[in-house]
Amino acid sequence: MSSRIVVFGAGGRAGRRAVAEAVARGHQVTAVVRNPSSYQDLAGAGVSVVPGDVTDAESVAAVSAGHDAAISAAGRMDMDSSEFYVSAAHALLDGLARAGVGRLVLIGIGSVLETAPGVAVHDTPGFPEEARAFSLGHSAELDVLRAAETDIDWLVVAPPPVMLDDEAPRTGRYRTGGEQVMADAAPSFSYTDLAVALIDEIETPKHHRSLTAVAG
């Protein structure tokens, strides 16, 4: 059944793949970006491109009205990671609730997954400090989601802690795990197959209010 899906951060590598996957399956997509004039190539059959701010609850509510589900692939490199992701988490929960959108799937980052009980990848010896600061923003976002008293059925999908393949074709194959790095995962994972996992979780939700690893 066709759904209306709002995608925040639709202009990035992950967001673009999510939009394409959703449209290929017959869904209607609202692609939210900060500056639509820079992303008109996203527009087309089944896709409307609109301006929006994922850190502003009123903006989130306005662009999400009438939709069935939301995806957040948003990121900002020009501001503190924790500030951005915490603000976005609060705004999404507030704005989507106002708009009556009950399902939210967010793209996480593999470095928040555990390599041992209680030890995230970003806390292992030698992990680059700049990358750690960015990863901690994702952890802070997850803390907000977990602490929230909300009816929204949220899910954070975390790909492996590797550079995702931007060129690999869609295979449609992936596996899900828990909050730990999947030790037997394939050495690479693509943005296209990450998008498959995202849209699958909107069409047929299997994981709820959790951090869920996904890998090839």
N, C-alpha and C. Protein backbone atom coordinates (compact mmCIF):
# COMPACT_ATOMS: atom_id res chain seq x y z
N MET A 1 0.85 -1.19 0.00
CA MET A 1 0.00 0.00 0.00
C MET A 1 0.88 1.24 0.00
N SER A 2 0.52 2.20 -0.83
CA SER A 2 1.31 3.42 -0.94
C SER A 2 1.19 4.27 0.33
N SER A 3 2.31 4.82 0.76
CA SER A 3 2.33 5.70 1.92
C SER A 3 2.89 7.05 1.53
N ARG A 4 2.67 8.03 2.38
CA ARG A 4 3.29 9.34 2.22
C ARG A 4 4.42 9.43 3.25
N ILE A 5 5.63 9.61 2.76
CA ILE A 5 6.82 9.60 3.61
C ILE A 5 7.53 10.94 3.49
N VAL A 6 7.85 11.54 4.63
CA VAL A 6 8.63 12.78 4.64
C VAL A 6 10.07 12.42 5.00
N VAL A 7 11.02 12.89 4.19
CA VAL A 7 12.43 12.57 4.38
C VAL A 7 13.20 13.85 4.68
N PHE A 8 13.73 13.94 5.88
CA PHE A 8 14.56 15.08 6.28
C PHE A 8 16.01 14.78 5.90
N GLY A 9 16.70 15.80 5.39
CA GLY A 9 18.07 15.57 4.93
C GLY A 9 18.08 14.81 3.62
N ALA A 10 17.10 15.09 2.77
CA ALA A 10 16.93 14.32 1.53
C ALA A 10 18.01 14.59 0.50
N GLY A 11 18.80 15.63 0.68
CA GLY A 11 19.80 15.97 -0.31
C GLY A 11 21.13 15.26 -0.14
N GLY A 12 21.33 14.58 0.99
CA GLY A 12 22.58 13.87 1.23
C GLY A 12 22.61 12.50 0.59
N ARG A 13 23.75 11.81 0.73
CA ARG A 13 23.89 10.52 0.07
C ARG A 13 22.87 9.51 0.58
N ALA A 14 22.69 9.44 1.89
CA ALA A 14 21.71 8.50 2.44
C ALA A 14 20.29 8.94 2.14
N GLY A 15 20.03 10.24 2.27
CA GLY A 15 18.69 10.75 2.02
C GLY A 15 18.24 10.54 0.59
N ARG A 16 19.14 10.77 -0.35
CA ARG A 16 18.79 10.57 -1.76
C ARG A 16 18.43 9.12 -2.04
N ARG A 17 19.18 8.21 -1.45
CA ARG A 17 18.89 6.78 -1.67
C ARG A 17 17.55 6.40 -1.05
N ALA A 18 17.24 6.99 0.10
CA ALA A 18 15.95 6.70 0.75
C ALA A 18 14.80 7.21 -0.12
N VAL A 19 14.95 8.40 -0.67
CA VAL A 19 13.92 8.95 -1.55
C VAL A 19 13.73 8.04 -2.76
N ALA A 20 14.83 7.66 -3.39
CA ALA A 20 14.75 6.83 -4.60
C ALA A 20 14.10 5.48 -4.32
N GLU A 21 14.47 4.86 -3.20
CA GLU A 21 13.92 3.55 -2.84
C GLU A 21 12.42 3.65 -2.57
N ALA A 22 12.03 4.70 -1.85
CA ALA A 22 10.62 4.87 -1.53
C ALA A 22 9.79 5.08 -2.80
N VAL A 23 10.27 5.92 -3.70
CA VAL A 23 9.53 6.21 -4.93
C VAL A 23 9.45 4.96 -5.81
N ALA A 24 10.54 4.20 -5.85
CA ALA A 24 10.56 2.98 -6.67
C ALA A 24 9.50 1.98 -6.19
N ARG A 25 9.13 2.08 -4.92
CA ARG A 25 8.12 1.16 -4.37
C ARG A 25 6.71 1.76 -4.43
N GLY A 26 6.59 2.93 -5.04
CA GLY A 26 5.27 3.51 -5.23
C GLY A 26 4.80 4.45 -4.15
N HIS A 27 5.70 4.85 -3.25
CA HIS A 27 5.32 5.78 -2.19
C HIS A 27 5.42 7.23 -2.67
N GLN A 28 4.69 8.11 -2.03
CA GLN A 28 4.79 9.54 -2.28
C GLN A 28 5.76 10.14 -1.26
N VAL A 29 6.72 10.92 -1.72
CA VAL A 29 7.78 11.43 -0.86
C VAL A 29 7.83 12.94 -0.84
N THR A 30 7.94 13.50 0.35
CA THR A 30 8.25 14.91 0.51
C THR A 30 9.71 15.00 0.94
N ALA A 31 10.54 15.56 0.09
CA ALA A 31 11.97 15.67 0.35
C ALA A 31 12.26 17.01 1.00
N VAL A 32 12.70 17.00 2.25
CA VAL A 32 12.93 18.23 3.00
C VAL A 32 14.41 18.57 3.00
N VAL A 33 14.72 19.78 2.54
CA VAL A 33 16.09 20.28 2.51
C VAL A 33 16.09 21.73 2.98
N ARG A 34 17.24 22.24 3.31
CA ARG A 34 17.30 23.63 3.77
C ARG A 34 17.13 24.61 2.63
N ASN A 35 17.67 24.28 1.45
CA ASN A 35 17.62 25.19 0.31
C ASN A 35 17.15 24.44 -0.94
N PRO A 36 15.85 24.41 -1.18
CA PRO A 36 15.32 23.62 -2.31
C PRO A 36 15.92 23.97 -3.66
N SER A 37 16.32 25.22 -3.86
CA SER A 37 16.85 25.61 -5.16
C SER A 37 18.12 24.84 -5.51
N SER A 38 18.81 24.32 -4.49
CA SER A 38 20.03 23.56 -4.72
C SER A 38 19.76 22.08 -4.96
N TYR A 39 18.52 21.66 -4.82
CA TYR A 39 18.21 20.22 -4.90
C TYR A 39 17.02 19.95 -5.80
N GLN A 40 16.83 20.76 -6.83
CA GLN A 40 15.70 20.55 -7.73
C GLN A 40 15.83 19.25 -8.52
N ASP A 41 17.02 18.68 -8.58
CA ASP A 41 17.18 17.40 -9.28
C ASP A 41 16.46 16.27 -8.54
N LEU A 42 16.11 16.50 -7.28
CA LEU A 42 15.37 15.50 -6.51
C LEU A 42 13.91 15.44 -6.94
N ALA A 43 13.41 16.54 -7.42
CA ALA A 43 11.99 16.62 -7.76
C ALA A 43 11.67 15.75 -8.97
N GLY A 44 10.47 15.20 -8.97
CA GLY A 44 10.05 14.36 -10.09
C GLY A 44 8.79 13.63 -9.72
N ALA A 45 8.45 12.62 -10.48
CA ALA A 45 7.24 11.84 -10.22
C ALA A 45 7.30 11.24 -8.83
N GLY A 46 6.33 11.58 -8.02
CA GLY A 46 6.26 11.02 -6.67
C GLY A 46 7.05 11.77 -5.63
N VAL A 47 7.78 12.83 -6.02
CA VAL A 47 8.63 13.56 -5.08
C VAL A 47 8.38 15.06 -5.16
N SER A 48 8.12 15.66 -4.02
CA SER A 48 8.07 17.12 -3.94
C SER A 48 9.19 17.58 -3.01
N VAL A 49 9.87 18.64 -3.39
CA VAL A 49 10.99 19.18 -2.62
C VAL A 49 10.54 20.44 -1.91
N VAL A 50 10.71 20.47 -0.59
CA VAL A 50 10.25 21.61 0.20
C VAL A 50 11.34 22.05 1.17
N PRO A 51 11.31 23.33 1.58
CA PRO A 51 12.26 23.80 2.58
C PRO A 51 11.81 23.40 3.97
N GLY A 52 12.77 23.15 4.85
CA GLY A 52 12.42 22.82 6.22
C GLY A 52 13.65 22.78 7.09
N ASP A 53 13.43 22.88 8.39
CA ASP A 53 14.51 22.87 9.38
C ASP A 53 14.22 21.77 10.38
N VAL A 54 15.02 20.71 10.37
CA VAL A 54 14.78 19.55 11.22
C VAL A 54 15.02 19.87 12.70
N THR A 55 15.63 21.01 13.00
CA THR A 55 15.85 21.39 14.40
C THR A 55 14.76 22.31 14.93
N ASP A 56 13.74 22.57 14.13
CA ASP A 56 12.65 23.47 14.53
C ASP A 56 11.33 22.70 14.51
N ALA A 57 10.71 22.54 15.66
CA ALA A 57 9.50 21.72 15.78
C ALA A 57 8.37 22.24 14.91
N GLU A 58 8.21 23.55 14.82
CA GLU A 58 7.14 24.11 13.99
C GLU A 58 7.36 23.79 12.52
N SER A 59 8.60 23.86 12.08
CA SER A 59 8.92 23.53 10.70
C SER A 59 8.67 22.04 10.44
N VAL A 60 9.09 21.19 11.38
CA VAL A 60 8.87 19.75 11.25
C VAL A 60 7.38 19.45 11.15
N ALA A 61 6.59 20.07 12.02
CA ALA A 61 5.14 19.85 12.01
C ALA A 61 4.52 20.28 10.68
N ALA A 62 4.96 21.42 10.17
CA ALA A 62 4.37 21.97 8.95
C ALA A 62 4.63 21.07 7.74
N VAL A 63 5.86 20.60 7.58
CA VAL A 63 6.18 19.79 6.39
C VAL A 63 5.70 18.35 6.54
N SER A 64 5.41 17.92 7.78
CA SER A 64 5.04 16.52 8.01
C SER A 64 3.54 16.27 8.01
N ALA A 65 2.76 17.31 8.05
CA ALA A 65 1.30 17.15 8.10
C ALA A 65 0.82 16.30 6.93
N GLY A 66 -0.04 15.33 7.24
CA GLY A 66 -0.60 14.49 6.20
C GLY A 66 0.25 13.31 5.78
N HIS A 67 1.37 13.10 6.46
CA HIS A 67 2.25 11.99 6.11
C HIS A 67 2.04 10.80 7.06
N ASP A 68 2.47 9.64 6.59
CA ASP A 68 2.31 8.41 7.37
C ASP A 68 3.56 8.06 8.18
N ALA A 69 4.71 8.48 7.71
CA ALA A 69 5.97 8.12 8.36
C ALA A 69 7.03 9.14 8.00
N ALA A 70 8.11 9.15 8.79
CA ALA A 70 9.21 10.08 8.56
C ALA A 70 10.54 9.35 8.62
N ILE A 71 11.48 9.83 7.82
CA ILE A 71 12.87 9.36 7.86
C ILE A 71 13.74 10.57 8.13
N SER A 72 14.70 10.43 9.03
CA SER A 72 15.67 11.49 9.22
C SER A 72 17.06 11.00 8.80
N ALA A 73 17.54 11.62 7.72
CA ALA A 73 18.90 11.38 7.25
C ALA A 73 19.70 12.66 7.36
N ALA A 74 19.20 13.58 8.19
CA ALA A 74 19.79 14.92 8.27
C ALA A 74 21.10 14.93 9.05
N GLY A 75 21.97 15.83 8.66
CA GLY A 75 23.23 16.04 9.36
C GLY A 75 23.74 17.44 9.07
N ARG A 76 24.53 17.97 9.97
CA ARG A 76 25.11 19.30 9.78
C ARG A 76 26.57 19.22 10.19
N MET A 77 27.44 19.69 9.33
CA MET A 77 28.88 19.71 9.64
C MET A 77 29.34 21.09 10.05
N ASP A 78 28.42 22.07 9.99
CA ASP A 78 28.79 23.45 10.30
C ASP A 78 28.37 23.86 11.71
N MET A 79 27.98 22.89 12.53
CA MET A 79 27.65 23.19 13.92
C MET A 79 28.00 21.99 14.79
N ASP A 80 28.05 22.20 16.09
CA ASP A 80 28.41 21.14 17.02
C ASP A 80 27.47 19.94 16.84
N SER A 81 28.06 18.76 16.79
CA SER A 81 27.29 17.55 16.52
C SER A 81 26.23 17.29 17.59
N SER A 82 26.60 17.40 18.84
CA SER A 82 25.63 17.15 19.91
C SER A 82 24.51 18.17 19.88
N GLU A 83 24.87 19.43 19.64
CA GLU A 83 23.85 20.48 19.56
C GLU A 83 22.85 20.18 18.45
N PHE A 84 23.37 19.79 17.29
CA PHE A 84 22.48 19.52 16.16
C PHE A 84 21.59 18.32 16.43
N TYR A 85 22.18 17.20 16.79
CA TYR A 85 21.38 15.97 16.90
C TYR A 85 20.41 16.00 18.08
N VAL A 86 20.79 16.65 19.15
CA VAL A 86 19.86 16.79 20.28
C VAL A 86 18.69 17.69 19.88
N SER A 87 19.00 18.80 19.23
CA SER A 87 17.93 19.72 18.78
C SER A 87 17.02 19.02 17.78
N ALA A 88 17.60 18.27 16.87
CA ALA A 88 16.80 17.56 15.87
C ALA A 88 15.90 16.52 16.51
N ALA A 89 16.42 15.77 17.48
CA ALA A 89 15.62 14.74 18.14
C ALA A 89 14.41 15.35 18.84
N HIS A 90 14.63 16.44 19.57
CA HIS A 90 13.53 17.10 20.26
C HIS A 90 12.51 17.65 19.26
N ALA A 91 13.01 18.28 18.19
CA ALA A 91 12.11 18.88 17.20
C ALA A 91 11.31 17.82 16.45
N LEU A 92 11.94 16.72 16.12
CA LEU A 92 11.25 15.65 15.42
C LEU A 92 10.15 15.04 16.28
N LEU A 93 10.46 14.74 17.52
CA LEU A 93 9.46 14.15 18.41
C LEU A 93 8.28 15.11 18.61
N ASP A 94 8.57 16.36 18.81
CA ASP A 94 7.54 17.37 19.03
C ASP A 94 6.74 17.61 17.74
N GLY A 95 7.46 17.91 16.67
CA GLY A 95 6.79 18.27 15.42
C GLY A 95 6.00 17.13 14.81
N LEU A 96 6.55 15.93 14.83
CA LEU A 96 5.83 14.79 14.26
C LEU A 96 4.59 14.46 15.08
N ALA A 97 4.69 14.61 16.39
CA ALA A 97 3.52 14.38 17.24
C ALA A 97 2.41 15.37 16.90
N ARG A 98 2.77 16.64 16.70
CA ARG A 98 1.78 17.65 16.33
C ARG A 98 1.13 17.31 14.99
N ALA A 99 1.93 16.74 14.08
CA ALA A 99 1.44 16.43 12.73
C ALA A 99 0.72 15.09 12.67
N GLY A 100 0.77 14.33 13.75
CA GLY A 100 0.10 13.04 13.76
C GLY A 100 0.84 11.94 13.03
N VAL A 101 2.14 12.08 12.90
CA VAL A 101 2.97 11.06 12.24
C VAL A 101 3.49 10.11 13.32
N GLY A 102 3.20 8.82 13.18
CA GLY A 102 3.49 7.89 14.26
C GLY A 102 4.77 7.10 14.13
N ARG A 103 5.39 7.06 12.95
CA ARG A 103 6.59 6.25 12.74
C ARG A 103 7.74 7.14 12.30
N LEU A 104 8.89 6.99 12.98
CA LEU A 104 10.10 7.76 12.68
C LEU A 104 11.29 6.81 12.62
N VAL A 105 11.96 6.76 11.47
CA VAL A 105 13.17 5.96 11.31
C VAL A 105 14.33 6.91 11.06
N LEU A 106 15.33 6.82 11.91
CA LEU A 106 16.49 7.71 11.81
C LEU A 106 17.72 6.90 11.40
N ILE A 107 18.59 7.53 10.64
CA ILE A 107 19.85 6.89 10.28
C ILE A 107 20.88 7.22 11.36
N GLY A 108 21.41 6.19 11.99
CA GLY A 108 22.43 6.36 13.00
C GLY A 108 23.83 6.23 12.40
N ILE A 109 24.78 5.93 13.25
CA ILE A 109 26.16 5.79 12.81
C ILE A 109 26.77 4.58 13.52
N GLY A 110 27.57 3.82 12.78
CA GLY A 110 28.09 2.57 13.30
C GLY A 110 28.99 2.69 14.51
N SER A 111 29.59 3.86 14.68
CA SER A 111 30.53 4.03 15.79
C SER A 111 29.85 4.10 17.15
N VAL A 112 28.51 4.21 17.19
CA VAL A 112 27.81 4.17 18.48
C VAL A 112 27.51 2.73 18.90
N LEU A 113 27.66 1.80 17.97
CA LEU A 113 27.44 0.39 18.31
C LEU A 113 28.53 -0.11 19.25
N GLU A 114 28.23 -1.14 20.01
CA GLU A 114 29.18 -1.67 21.00
C GLU A 114 30.08 -2.74 20.38
N THR A 115 31.35 -2.70 20.77
CA THR A 115 32.27 -3.77 20.42
C THR A 115 32.38 -4.77 21.56
N ALA A 116 32.01 -4.33 22.75
CA ALA A 116 31.95 -5.16 23.96
C ALA A 116 30.87 -4.53 24.83
N PRO A 117 30.32 -5.29 25.78
CA PRO A 117 29.25 -4.72 26.60
C PRO A 117 29.65 -3.38 27.23
N GLY A 118 28.89 -2.33 26.91
CA GLY A 118 29.14 -1.02 27.47
C GLY A 118 30.26 -0.24 26.82
N VAL A 119 30.89 -0.79 25.76
CA VAL A 119 32.01 -0.11 25.09
C VAL A 119 31.65 0.17 23.63
N ALA A 120 31.36 1.43 23.35
CA ALA A 120 31.04 1.82 21.98
C ALA A 120 32.31 1.87 21.13
N VAL A 121 32.14 1.73 19.83
CA VAL A 121 33.28 1.82 18.92
C VAL A 121 34.04 3.12 19.13
N HIS A 122 33.31 4.22 19.36
CA HIS A 122 33.99 5.51 19.50
C HIS A 122 34.76 5.64 20.82
N ASP A 123 34.59 4.67 21.72
CA ASP A 123 35.34 4.69 22.98
C ASP A 123 36.52 3.73 22.98
N THR A 124 36.78 3.08 21.85
CA THR A 124 37.92 2.17 21.78
C THR A 124 39.21 2.96 21.62
N PRO A 125 40.34 2.42 22.11
CA PRO A 125 41.63 3.13 22.04
C PRO A 125 41.99 3.49 20.60
N GLY A 126 42.46 4.72 20.42
CA GLY A 126 42.92 5.15 19.12
C GLY A 126 41.85 5.67 18.18
N PHE A 127 40.59 5.68 18.63
CA PHE A 127 39.55 6.19 17.75
C PHE A 127 39.77 7.69 17.55
N PRO A 128 39.73 8.19 16.32
CA PRO A 128 40.03 9.61 16.05
C PRO A 128 39.12 10.56 16.84
N GLU A 129 39.71 11.56 17.45
CA GLU A 129 38.96 12.43 18.34
C GLU A 129 37.88 13.23 17.61
N GLU A 130 38.17 13.70 16.41
CA GLU A 130 37.17 14.47 15.67
C GLU A 130 35.98 13.58 15.31
N ALA A 131 36.26 12.37 14.89
CA ALA A 131 35.18 11.43 14.57
C ALA A 131 34.40 11.07 15.83
N ARG A 132 35.10 10.99 16.96
CA ARG A 132 34.44 10.66 18.22
C ARG A 132 33.45 11.75 18.61
N ALA A 133 33.86 13.00 18.43
CA ALA A 133 32.97 14.12 18.76
C ALA A 133 31.70 14.05 17.93
N PHE A 134 31.83 13.72 16.66
CA PHE A 134 30.66 13.60 15.80
C PHE A 134 29.78 12.44 16.24
N SER A 135 30.40 11.32 16.57
CA SER A 135 29.65 10.14 17.01
C SER A 135 28.92 10.38 18.32
N LEU A 136 29.53 11.15 19.21
CA LEU A 136 28.88 11.46 20.49
C LEU A 136 27.59 12.24 20.29
N GLY A 137 27.51 13.00 19.20
CA GLY A 137 26.27 13.69 18.89
C GLY A 137 25.15 12.70 18.61
N HIS A 138 25.48 11.64 17.89
CA HIS A 138 24.50 10.58 17.63
C HIS A 138 24.09 9.89 18.93
N SER A 139 25.05 9.70 19.83
CA SER A 139 24.73 9.09 21.12
C SER A 139 23.79 9.98 21.93
N ALA A 140 24.03 11.28 21.87
CA ALA A 140 23.18 12.22 22.58
C ALA A 140 21.76 12.21 22.00
N GLU A 141 21.67 12.10 20.69
CA GLU A 141 20.36 11.99 20.04
C GLU A 141 19.62 10.75 20.55
N LEU A 142 20.33 9.64 20.63
CA LEU A 142 19.73 8.39 21.10
C LEU A 142 19.26 8.52 22.54
N ASP A 143 20.03 9.24 23.36
CA ASP A 143 19.63 9.46 24.75
C ASP A 143 18.30 10.21 24.83
N VAL A 144 18.15 11.22 23.96
CA VAL A 144 16.90 12.00 23.93
C VAL A 144 15.73 11.09 23.56
N LEU A 145 15.91 10.28 22.54
CA LEU A 145 14.84 9.40 22.09
C LEU A 145 14.45 8.41 23.18
N ARG A 146 15.43 7.83 23.83
CA ARG A 146 15.16 6.83 24.86
C ARG A 146 14.47 7.42 26.08
N ALA A 147 14.78 8.65 26.38
CA ALA A 147 14.21 9.29 27.57
C ALA A 147 12.84 9.90 27.33
N ALA A 148 12.47 10.05 26.08
CA ALA A 148 11.25 10.77 25.73
C ALA A 148 9.99 9.98 26.10
N GLU A 149 9.03 10.71 26.63
CA GLU A 149 7.69 10.14 26.82
C GLU A 149 6.90 10.51 25.58
N THR A 150 6.84 9.59 24.64
CA THR A 150 6.24 9.88 23.34
C THR A 150 5.51 8.66 22.81
N ASP A 151 4.49 8.91 22.02
CA ASP A 151 3.77 7.83 21.35
C ASP A 151 4.40 7.47 20.02
N ILE A 152 5.39 8.25 19.60
CA ILE A 152 6.02 7.99 18.31
C ILE A 152 6.87 6.72 18.37
N ASP A 153 6.66 5.86 17.39
CA ASP A 153 7.40 4.61 17.29
C ASP A 153 8.69 4.88 16.51
N TRP A 154 9.75 5.20 17.24
CA TRP A 154 11.01 5.59 16.61
C TRP A 154 11.96 4.40 16.50
N LEU A 155 12.90 4.51 15.60
CA LEU A 155 13.93 3.49 15.41
C LEU A 155 15.18 4.15 14.84
N VAL A 156 16.33 3.83 15.42
CA VAL A 156 17.60 4.28 14.88
C VAL A 156 18.28 3.08 14.21
N VAL A 157 18.51 3.19 12.91
CA VAL A 157 19.17 2.14 12.14
C VAL A 157 20.64 2.52 11.97
N ALA A 158 21.54 1.67 12.45
CA ALA A 158 22.97 1.98 12.40
C ALA A 158 23.70 1.03 11.45
N PRO A 159 24.25 1.55 10.36
CA PRO A 159 25.04 0.72 9.45
C PRO A 159 26.39 0.39 10.10
N PRO A 160 27.18 -0.47 9.49
CA PRO A 160 28.48 -0.84 10.09
C PRO A 160 29.40 0.38 10.22
N PRO A 161 30.36 0.32 11.15
CA PRO A 161 31.30 1.43 11.34
C PRO A 161 32.40 1.43 10.27
N VAL A 162 31.99 1.54 9.02
CA VAL A 162 32.90 1.61 7.88
C VAL A 162 32.38 2.71 6.96
N MET A 163 33.21 3.11 6.01
CA MET A 163 32.74 4.05 4.99
C MET A 163 31.74 3.32 4.09
N LEU A 164 30.53 3.86 3.99
CA LEU A 164 29.54 3.20 3.15
C LEU A 164 29.87 3.40 1.68
N ASP A 165 29.54 2.40 0.88
CA ASP A 165 29.83 2.41 -0.55
C ASP A 165 28.79 3.26 -1.27
N ASP A 166 29.25 4.30 -1.95
CA ASP A 166 28.35 5.22 -2.63
C ASP A 166 28.09 4.80 -4.07
N GLU A 167 28.78 3.77 -4.54
CA GLU A 167 28.67 3.37 -5.94
C GLU A 167 28.03 2.00 -6.13
N ALA A 168 28.05 1.17 -5.09
CA ALA A 168 27.58 -0.20 -5.23
C ALA A 168 26.10 -0.25 -5.60
N PRO A 169 25.72 -1.16 -6.48
CA PRO A 169 24.31 -1.28 -6.87
C PRO A 169 23.47 -1.89 -5.75
N ARG A 170 22.20 -1.72 -5.86
CA ARG A 170 21.26 -2.28 -4.90
C ARG A 170 21.23 -3.80 -5.01
N THR A 171 21.38 -4.48 -3.87
CA THR A 171 21.20 -5.93 -3.84
C THR A 171 19.89 -6.31 -3.16
N GLY A 172 19.41 -5.42 -2.27
CA GLY A 172 18.20 -5.71 -1.52
C GLY A 172 18.43 -6.66 -0.36
N ARG A 173 19.70 -7.00 -0.10
CA ARG A 173 20.01 -7.95 0.97
C ARG A 173 20.70 -7.23 2.13
N TYR A 174 20.28 -7.54 3.31
CA TYR A 174 20.90 -7.03 4.52
C TYR A 174 20.45 -7.88 5.70
N ARG A 175 21.14 -7.74 6.80
CA ARG A 175 20.75 -8.41 8.04
C ARG A 175 20.68 -7.38 9.15
N THR A 176 19.86 -7.64 10.13
CA THR A 176 19.76 -6.75 11.28
C THR A 176 20.24 -7.46 12.54
N GLY A 177 20.71 -6.67 13.49
CA GLY A 177 21.17 -7.21 14.76
C GLY A 177 20.64 -6.38 15.91
N GLY A 178 21.45 -6.26 16.95
CA GLY A 178 21.05 -5.48 18.10
C GLY A 178 21.88 -4.22 18.18
N GLU A 179 22.40 -3.93 19.37
CA GLU A 179 23.17 -2.71 19.58
C GLU A 179 24.67 -2.95 19.49
N GLN A 180 25.06 -4.15 19.06
CA GLN A 180 26.47 -4.48 18.94
C GLN A 180 26.87 -4.53 17.46
N VAL A 181 28.16 -4.29 17.21
CA VAL A 181 28.70 -4.45 15.86
C VAL A 181 28.52 -5.91 15.46
N MET A 182 28.05 -6.14 14.28
CA MET A 182 27.84 -7.51 13.81
C MET A 182 29.18 -8.08 13.33
N ALA A 183 29.74 -8.98 14.13
CA ALA A 183 31.10 -9.46 13.93
C ALA A 183 31.29 -10.16 12.59
N ASP A 184 30.26 -10.82 12.08
CA ASP A 184 30.39 -11.57 10.84
C ASP A 184 29.84 -10.80 9.64
N ALA A 185 29.75 -9.48 9.78
CA ALA A 185 29.21 -8.66 8.71
C ALA A 185 30.15 -8.62 7.51
N ALA A 186 29.57 -8.38 6.34
CA ALA A 186 30.38 -8.21 5.13
C ALA A 186 31.29 -7.00 5.31
N PRO A 187 32.44 -6.97 4.62
CA PRO A 187 33.40 -5.88 4.81
C PRO A 187 32.93 -4.52 4.32
N SER A 188 31.88 -4.50 3.52
CA SER A 188 31.36 -3.22 3.04
C SER A 188 29.83 -3.26 3.04
N PHE A 189 29.25 -2.07 2.98
CA PHE A 189 27.79 -1.94 2.94
C PHE A 189 27.47 -0.70 2.15
N SER A 190 26.38 -0.75 1.39
CA SER A 190 26.08 0.36 0.48
C SER A 190 24.95 1.24 0.98
N TYR A 191 24.97 2.47 0.51
CA TYR A 191 23.87 3.39 0.80
C TYR A 191 22.55 2.86 0.23
N THR A 192 22.63 2.19 -0.92
CA THR A 192 21.40 1.70 -1.54
C THR A 192 20.74 0.62 -0.70
N ASP A 193 21.54 -0.27 -0.12
CA ASP A 193 20.95 -1.32 0.71
C ASP A 193 20.55 -0.79 2.09
N LEU A 194 21.21 0.25 2.56
CA LEU A 194 20.74 0.93 3.77
C LEU A 194 19.35 1.48 3.53
N ALA A 195 19.14 2.06 2.36
CA ALA A 195 17.82 2.60 2.01
C ALA A 195 16.76 1.52 1.98
N VAL A 196 17.12 0.34 1.51
CA VAL A 196 16.18 -0.78 1.50
C VAL A 196 15.72 -1.08 2.93
N ALA A 197 16.68 -1.12 3.85
CA ALA A 197 16.35 -1.39 5.25
C ALA A 197 15.44 -0.32 5.83
N LEU A 198 15.69 0.93 5.48
CA LEU A 198 14.86 2.03 5.98
C LEU A 198 13.41 1.90 5.52
N ILE A 199 13.23 1.69 4.23
CA ILE A 199 11.86 1.63 3.70
C ILE A 199 11.17 0.35 4.16
N ASP A 200 11.91 -0.75 4.30
CA ASP A 200 11.31 -1.97 4.85
C ASP A 200 10.73 -1.71 6.23
N GLU A 201 11.45 -0.92 7.04
CA GLU A 201 11.00 -0.66 8.42
C GLU A 201 9.79 0.28 8.46
N ILE A 202 9.55 0.97 7.37
CA ILE A 202 8.34 1.79 7.29
C ILE A 202 7.18 0.95 6.77
N GLU A 203 7.45 0.11 5.76
CA GLU A 203 6.39 -0.72 5.20
C GLU A 203 5.94 -1.82 6.17
N THR A 204 6.92 -2.45 6.81
CA THR A 204 6.65 -3.56 7.74
C THR A 204 7.53 -3.40 8.96
N PRO A 205 7.14 -2.58 9.92
CA PRO A 205 7.98 -2.33 11.09
C PRO A 205 8.27 -3.61 11.88
N LYS A 206 9.56 -3.85 12.11
CA LYS A 206 9.98 -5.03 12.88
C LYS A 206 10.75 -4.66 14.14
N HIS A 207 11.30 -3.46 14.17
CA HIS A 207 12.08 -3.01 15.32
C HIS A 207 11.46 -1.72 15.84
N HIS A 208 11.46 -1.59 17.16
CA HIS A 208 10.75 -0.48 17.77
C HIS A 208 11.53 0.12 18.93
N ARG A 209 11.61 1.45 18.94
CA ARG A 209 12.22 2.18 20.05
C ARG A 209 13.58 1.59 20.45
N SER A 210 14.42 1.45 19.45
CA SER A 210 15.71 0.79 19.69
C SER A 210 16.78 1.30 18.73
N LEU A 211 18.02 0.97 19.07
CA LEU A 211 19.15 1.12 18.16
C LEU A 211 19.37 -0.24 17.54
N THR A 212 19.29 -0.32 16.23
CA THR A 212 19.37 -1.60 15.54
C THR A 212 20.46 -1.57 14.48
N ALA A 213 21.41 -2.48 14.59
CA ALA A 213 22.48 -2.58 13.61
C ALA A 213 21.96 -3.21 12.33
N VAL A 214 22.47 -2.72 11.20
CA VAL A 214 22.16 -3.32 9.91
C VAL A 214 23.46 -3.49 9.14
N ALA A 215 23.61 -4.62 8.46
CA ALA A 215 24.85 -4.89 7.75
C ALA A 215 24.58 -5.90 6.64
N GLY A 216 25.58 -6.06 5.76
CA GLY A 216 25.44 -7.02 4.70
C GLY A 216 25.85 -8.42 5.13
